[in-house]
Amino acid sequence: MKVLVTGVAGFIGMHCAERLLARGDEVVGVDSLSTYYSVELKKARLQRLQNARLRFHHQDIVDAGALQSVFASTKPDAVLHLAAQAGVRYSLENPNSYIQSNLVGFANILDACRAYPPRHLVFASSSSVYGSNPKLPWSESDNVDHPISLYAATKKANELSAHAYSHLFGLHTTGLRFFTVYGPWGRPDMSAFLFARAILEGKPIQVFNHGDMQRDFTYIDDIVEGTLRVLDQPARYAIYNIGNHSPVRLLDYIAILERALGKKAQLEMQPMQPGDVQATYADTTALQRAVGFAPATPLETGLQRFADWFRSYHAG
């Protein structure tokens, strides 16, 4: 296949593109290389993807005309849309970047797919759409009409927009609600990266809600496996959770990371942050039924791999 991957220099985008190339697909990579976090890290990811079957376009999906040109010239068989303004807390400081990337950008993706229909459009949604739903585990059939962050609202809007285009224009679209993805080459604003850096530098880490939190941490290789299996099986319209189905207490997570790094953390207890939730927990029954796979990498295994990468990346 020829697969267009947006956000190809991002954390999940790089790993998915790497796997697509390894199995023999062509990859059309699109990324704006935004300055939300280290552009050098993004360039290092792109360096890993150097391949004759990769064509990279330094392009912002907010530019509708340029995006249409990429689609027109490449006519991809499938589209994996992972470009977005990420992060819940940053949406409190810079809401317009979420409106542009996640709403305008996604509308442009849908329009480009309407003009040059791929066999399947798979796009990144988020577990944040569940808001503060107290019923655990979270299921795709749960009500998601009460987001508690702008980031979550944009992801719910993406799901609704995709449904409309699927209904009106026959596009095959699937949204994946990712649950707390971590692993090598992760984003610097994510907890594993933030905590590892602080621990190794002997600085305190901020522990929100005084540690009374749980997250369904999902290892990147499992995310890639589930995402590509979904990509290969077009659906008229579908939404799947993609999480580890095994929530871990925040303090236990920190303890596992301490062991992986061989150093104790200094804890700085903080109150709950606006837009945050106490617990996440994915019901992955639907994903398992659809593609015969659900994430299951133990946190100890995944964090050790992350810690090994973190040390080597910063040593270099």
Protein backbone atom coordinates (compact mmCIF):
# COMPACT_ATOMS: atom_id res chain seq x y z
CA MET A 1 0.00 0.00 0.00
CA LYS A 2 0.82 3.66 -0.24
CA VAL A 3 -0.03 5.14 3.16
CA LEU A 4 -0.15 8.86 3.89
CA VAL A 5 0.87 9.44 7.52
CA THR A 6 0.28 12.88 9.02
CA GLY A 7 2.36 13.75 12.07
CA VAL A 8 5.04 11.42 10.72
CA ALA A 9 7.74 13.12 12.81
CA GLY A 10 5.65 12.67 15.95
CA PHE A 11 5.93 9.93 18.56
CA ILE A 12 3.22 7.57 17.30
CA GLY A 13 3.65 8.70 13.68
CA MET A 14 7.32 7.76 13.52
CA HIS A 15 6.75 4.33 15.03
CA CYS A 16 3.83 3.58 12.69
CA ALA A 17 5.78 4.77 9.64
CA GLU A 18 8.75 2.65 10.69
CA ARG A 19 6.56 -0.46 10.85
CA LEU A 20 4.86 0.35 7.52
CA LEU A 21 8.23 0.72 5.81
CA ALA A 22 9.51 -2.49 7.41
CA ARG A 23 6.63 -4.47 5.95
CA GLY A 24 7.16 -3.03 2.47
CA ASP A 25 4.60 -0.24 2.19
CA GLU A 26 5.26 3.18 0.68
CA VAL A 27 4.88 6.07 3.13
CA VAL A 28 3.95 9.63 2.27
CA GLY A 29 4.90 11.55 5.40
CA VAL A 30 3.41 14.93 6.28
CA ASP A 31 4.52 17.03 9.25
CA SER A 32 4.74 20.75 10.05
CA LEU A 33 7.62 20.23 12.54
CA SER A 34 5.83 22.57 14.95
CA THR A 35 7.76 24.10 17.83
CA TYR A 36 5.38 22.81 20.55
CA TYR A 37 8.35 20.67 21.63
CA SER A 38 11.91 20.01 20.44
CA VAL A 39 12.18 20.17 16.66
CA GLU A 40 15.54 18.42 17.02
CA LEU A 41 13.80 15.37 18.48
CA LYS A 42 11.39 15.38 15.53
CA LYS A 43 14.27 15.62 13.06
CA ALA A 44 16.02 12.74 14.82
CA ARG A 45 12.87 10.66 14.40
CA LEU A 46 12.75 11.51 10.70
CA GLN A 47 16.38 10.47 10.41
CA ARG A 48 15.38 7.00 11.59
CA LEU A 49 12.86 6.80 8.75
CA GLN A 50 15.31 7.43 5.90
CA ASN A 51 14.13 5.05 3.19
CA ALA A 52 13.63 5.05 -0.58
CA ARG A 53 9.94 4.31 0.00
CA LEU A 54 9.40 7.39 2.19
CA ARG A 55 8.46 10.74 0.69
CA PHE A 56 8.39 13.52 3.25
CA HIS A 57 6.38 16.73 2.88
CA HIS A 58 7.18 19.54 5.32
CA GLN A 59 3.59 20.76 5.38
CA ASP A 60 0.95 22.02 7.81
CA ILE A 61 -2.44 20.33 7.53
CA VAL A 62 -4.04 23.72 8.29
CA ASP A 63 -3.00 24.79 4.77
CA ALA A 64 -5.91 23.26 2.82
CA GLY A 65 -4.53 24.00 -0.65
CA ALA A 66 -1.12 22.50 0.07
CA LEU A 67 -2.71 19.41 1.65
CA GLN A 68 -4.95 18.90 -1.40
CA SER A 69 -1.83 19.11 -3.59
CA VAL A 70 -0.13 16.36 -1.59
CA PHE A 71 -3.21 14.12 -1.96
CA ALA A 72 -3.51 14.93 -5.67
CA SER A 73 0.11 14.08 -6.40
CA THR A 74 0.30 10.92 -4.29
CA LYS A 75 -3.27 9.49 -4.26
CA PRO A 76 -2.72 7.34 -1.14
CA ASP A 77 -4.41 3.97 -0.68
CA ALA A 78 -4.87 4.65 3.04
CA VAL A 79 -4.50 7.62 5.37
CA LEU A 80 -3.25 7.45 8.95
CA HIS A 81 -4.00 10.83 10.49
CA LEU A 82 -1.90 11.37 13.63
CA ALA A 83 -1.07 15.08 13.33
CA ALA A 84 -2.65 17.16 16.11
CA GLN A 85 -1.96 19.67 18.80
CA ALA A 86 -1.52 17.31 21.74
CA GLY A 87 -1.73 17.71 25.49
CA VAL A 88 -4.54 18.58 27.88
CA ARG A 89 -2.80 21.21 30.01
CA TYR A 90 -1.42 23.23 27.08
CA SER A 91 -5.01 23.71 25.84
CA LEU A 92 -5.61 25.96 28.85
CA GLU A 93 -2.80 28.28 27.72
CA ASN A 94 -3.09 28.22 23.94
CA PRO A 95 -6.60 27.18 22.85
CA ASN A 96 -6.29 28.58 19.34
CA SER A 97 -3.60 26.07 18.38
CA TYR A 98 -6.11 23.28 19.13
CA ILE A 99 -8.83 24.96 17.07
CA GLN A 100 -6.44 25.29 14.11
CA SER A 101 -4.69 21.89 14.15
CA ASN A 102 -7.41 19.66 15.55
CA LEU A 103 -10.53 21.20 14.02
CA VAL A 104 -9.50 23.12 10.89
CA GLY A 105 -6.72 20.65 10.13
CA PHE A 106 -9.00 17.64 10.53
CA ALA A 107 -11.66 19.24 8.33
CA ASN A 108 -8.99 19.66 5.66
CA ILE A 109 -8.04 15.99 5.98
CA LEU A 110 -11.68 14.96 5.51
CA ASP A 111 -12.07 17.21 2.47
CA ALA A 112 -8.88 15.85 0.91
CA CYS A 113 -10.13 12.29 1.52
CA ARG A 114 -13.44 13.21 -0.09
CA ALA A 115 -11.62 14.51 -3.17
CA TYR A 116 -9.18 11.59 -3.36
CA PRO A 117 -10.89 8.75 -1.47
CA PRO A 118 -8.54 6.29 0.23
CA ARG A 119 -9.63 2.77 1.11
CA HIS A 120 -9.49 3.74 4.77
CA LEU A 121 -8.91 6.82 6.92
CA VAL A 122 -7.74 5.96 10.44
CA PHE A 123 -7.41 8.90 12.82
CA ALA A 124 -6.22 9.48 16.36
CA SER A 125 -8.88 10.20 18.93
CA SER A 126 -8.18 10.09 22.67
CA SER A 127 -9.29 8.54 25.94
CA SER A 128 -9.83 12.14 27.10
CA VAL A 129 -13.22 12.14 25.32
CA TYR A 130 -14.60 10.15 28.27
CA GLY A 131 -14.18 13.16 30.56
CA SER A 132 -14.70 12.36 34.21
CA ASN A 133 -16.98 9.39 33.56
CA PRO A 134 -16.95 7.47 36.90
CA LYS A 135 -17.93 4.13 35.31
CA LEU A 136 -14.83 2.00 34.72
CA PRO A 137 -13.64 0.51 32.45
CA TRP A 138 -14.58 2.98 29.73
CA SER A 139 -16.44 1.47 26.79
CA GLU A 140 -17.06 2.87 23.30
CA SER A 141 -20.78 2.72 24.09
CA ASP A 142 -20.41 5.17 27.02
CA ASN A 143 -21.72 8.71 26.69
CA VAL A 144 -18.93 11.13 25.74
CA ASP A 145 -20.91 14.39 25.61
CA HIS A 146 -19.18 16.05 28.58
CA PRO A 147 -15.50 16.77 27.80
CA ILE A 148 -13.59 18.56 30.55
CA SER A 149 -10.81 19.98 28.37
CA LEU A 150 -10.72 21.72 25.00
CA TYR A 151 -8.36 19.02 23.76
CA ALA A 152 -11.00 16.38 24.54
CA ALA A 153 -13.71 18.48 22.87
CA THR A 154 -11.68 18.69 19.64
CA LYS A 155 -11.19 14.92 19.60
CA LYS A 156 -14.92 14.31 20.09
CA ALA A 157 -15.56 16.80 17.27
CA ASN A 158 -13.22 14.77 15.05
CA GLU A 159 -15.24 11.62 15.70
CA LEU A 160 -18.51 13.39 14.87
CA SER A 161 -17.10 14.98 11.72
CA ALA A 162 -15.74 11.65 10.50
CA HIS A 163 -19.14 10.07 11.09
CA ALA A 164 -20.83 12.76 9.01
CA TYR A 165 -18.39 12.34 6.11
CA SER A 166 -18.74 8.58 6.29
CA HIS A 167 -22.52 8.88 6.13
CA LEU A 168 -22.64 11.57 3.43
CA PHE A 169 -19.79 10.59 1.16
CA GLY A 170 -19.17 6.91 1.84
CA LEU A 171 -15.72 7.40 3.37
CA HIS A 172 -14.37 4.49 5.39
CA THR A 173 -13.21 6.03 8.67
CA THR A 174 -12.07 4.65 12.02
CA GLY A 175 -11.16 6.61 15.14
CA LEU A 176 -8.79 5.19 17.75
CA ARG A 177 -9.08 6.38 21.35
CA PHE A 178 -5.48 6.10 22.55
CA PHE A 179 -4.85 5.58 26.27
CA THR A 180 -1.67 7.17 27.78
CA VAL A 181 0.90 6.04 25.21
CA TYR A 182 4.53 5.77 26.35
CA GLY A 183 7.82 4.32 25.15
CA PRO A 184 11.09 5.16 23.36
CA TRP A 185 11.09 8.39 21.32
CA GLY A 186 8.14 9.70 23.36
CA ARG A 187 7.08 13.34 23.69
CA PRO A 188 9.00 15.49 26.20
CA ASP A 189 5.73 16.78 27.71
CA MET A 190 4.60 13.27 28.70
CA SER A 191 5.05 11.92 32.21
CA ALA A 192 7.67 9.25 31.46
CA PHE A 193 9.96 11.81 29.81
CA LEU A 194 9.33 14.53 32.39
CA PHE A 195 9.82 12.16 35.33
CA ALA A 196 12.92 10.46 33.92
CA ARG A 197 14.64 13.75 33.23
CA ALA A 198 13.86 15.12 36.71
CA ILE A 199 14.91 11.90 38.47
CA LEU A 200 18.25 11.72 36.67
CA GLU A 201 18.90 15.43 37.28
CA GLY A 202 18.02 15.11 40.98
CA LYS A 203 15.06 17.45 40.67
CA PRO A 204 11.60 16.93 42.19
CA ILE A 205 8.75 15.59 40.07
CA GLN A 206 5.24 17.00 40.35
CA VAL A 207 2.75 14.38 41.49
CA PHE A 208 -0.77 15.59 40.84
CA ASN A 209 -3.82 14.90 43.00
CA HIS A 210 -1.29 13.91 45.68
CA GLY A 211 -0.68 10.65 43.83
CA ASP A 212 -4.32 9.51 43.94
CA MET A 213 -4.51 8.77 40.21
CA GLN A 214 -4.52 5.75 37.91
CA ARG A 215 -3.63 5.53 34.24
CA ASP A 216 -4.03 2.82 31.63
CA PHE A 217 -0.44 3.13 30.33
CA THR A 218 -0.12 1.66 26.83
CA TYR A 219 3.23 0.72 25.27
CA ILE A 220 4.00 2.17 21.84
CA ASP A 221 4.63 -1.17 20.09
CA ASP A 222 1.15 -2.32 21.09
CA ILE A 223 -0.33 0.94 19.81
CA VAL A 224 1.40 0.42 16.46
CA GLU A 225 0.27 -3.21 16.16
CA GLY A 226 -3.35 -2.34 16.93
CA THR A 227 -3.34 0.72 14.68
CA LEU A 228 -1.98 -1.11 11.62
CA ARG A 229 -4.34 -4.03 12.10
CA VAL A 230 -7.23 -1.55 12.10
CA LEU A 231 -5.78 0.29 9.08
CA ASP A 232 -5.73 -2.97 7.12
CA GLN A 233 -9.43 -3.68 7.78
CA PRO A 234 -11.53 -0.78 6.43
CA ALA A 235 -14.79 -0.09 8.25
CA ARG A 236 -17.58 2.21 7.08
CA TYR A 237 -17.31 3.94 10.46
CA ALA A 238 -15.90 2.62 13.72
CA ILE A 239 -14.45 3.82 17.03
CA TYR A 240 -12.13 1.67 19.15
CA ASN A 241 -10.40 2.03 22.49
CA ILE A 242 -6.73 1.12 22.26
CA GLY A 243 -5.34 0.78 25.77
CA ASN A 244 -3.66 -1.78 28.01
CA HIS A 245 -6.82 -2.66 29.96
CA SER A 246 -4.72 -2.55 33.13
CA PRO A 247 -4.72 0.75 35.05
CA VAL A 248 -1.72 1.42 37.32
CA ARG A 249 -1.56 3.72 40.35
CA LEU A 250 0.58 6.79 39.72
CA LEU A 251 2.84 6.08 42.71
CA ASP A 252 3.38 2.50 41.51
CA TYR A 253 4.25 3.84 38.06
CA ILE A 254 6.85 6.15 39.59
CA ALA A 255 8.31 3.26 41.62
CA ILE A 256 8.67 1.12 38.48
CA LEU A 257 10.38 4.00 36.67
CA GLU A 258 12.73 4.51 39.65
CA ARG A 259 13.79 0.85 39.42
CA ALA A 260 14.26 1.10 35.64
CA LEU A 261 16.50 4.17 36.07
CA GLY A 262 18.23 2.93 39.22
CA LYS A 263 17.53 6.15 41.10
CA LYS A 264 14.90 7.39 43.57
CA ALA A 265 12.58 10.27 42.78
CA GLN A 266 11.92 13.35 44.88
CA LEU A 267 8.14 13.79 45.04
CA GLU A 268 6.43 17.18 45.07
CA MET A 269 2.74 16.62 45.82
CA GLN A 270 0.34 18.87 43.89
CA PRO A 271 -3.46 19.25 43.66
CA MET A 272 -5.43 17.95 40.69
CA GLN A 273 -4.89 20.03 37.55
CA PRO A 274 -7.80 21.55 35.58
CA GLY A 275 -8.93 19.25 32.76
CA ASP A 276 -7.33 16.18 34.34
CA VAL A 277 -9.13 12.99 35.41
CA GLN A 278 -8.51 10.66 38.33
CA ALA A 279 -8.48 7.38 36.43
CA THR A 280 -8.47 5.94 32.91
CA TYR A 281 -9.24 2.34 32.04
CA ALA A 282 -9.88 0.95 28.55
CA ASP A 283 -12.42 -1.73 27.75
CA THR A 284 -10.73 -3.30 24.69
CA THR A 285 -13.36 -5.93 23.92
CA ALA A 286 -14.40 -4.26 20.65
CA LEU A 287 -10.82 -3.95 19.37
CA GLN A 288 -10.06 -7.57 20.25
CA ARG A 289 -13.21 -8.71 18.47
CA ALA A 290 -12.48 -6.61 15.36
CA VAL A 291 -8.78 -7.32 14.78
CA GLY A 292 -7.85 -10.15 17.16
CA PHE A 293 -5.46 -8.03 19.18
CA ALA A 294 -5.41 -5.86 22.29
CA PRO A 295 -2.41 -4.24 24.04
CA ALA A 296 -0.93 -6.21 26.94
CA THR A 297 2.76 -5.22 27.42
CA PRO A 298 3.49 -5.11 31.18
CA LEU A 299 4.47 -1.66 32.45
CA GLU A 300 7.72 -3.05 33.90
CA THR A 301 8.78 -4.21 30.43
CA GLY A 302 7.78 -1.03 28.62
CA LEU A 303 9.28 1.39 31.14
CA GLN A 304 12.59 -0.49 31.14
CA ARG A 305 12.75 -0.14 27.35
CA PHE A 306 11.88 3.55 27.67
CA ALA A 307 14.51 4.12 30.38
CA ASP A 308 17.19 2.39 28.30
CA TRP A 309 16.33 4.57 25.28
CA PHE A 310 16.19 7.74 27.41
CA ARG A 311 19.67 7.19 28.78
CA SER A 312 21.15 6.41 25.35
CA TYR A 313 19.41 9.31 23.61
CA HIS A 314 20.61 11.85 26.14
CA ALA A 315 24.07 10.29 26.29
CA GLY A 316 24.38 10.87 22.55
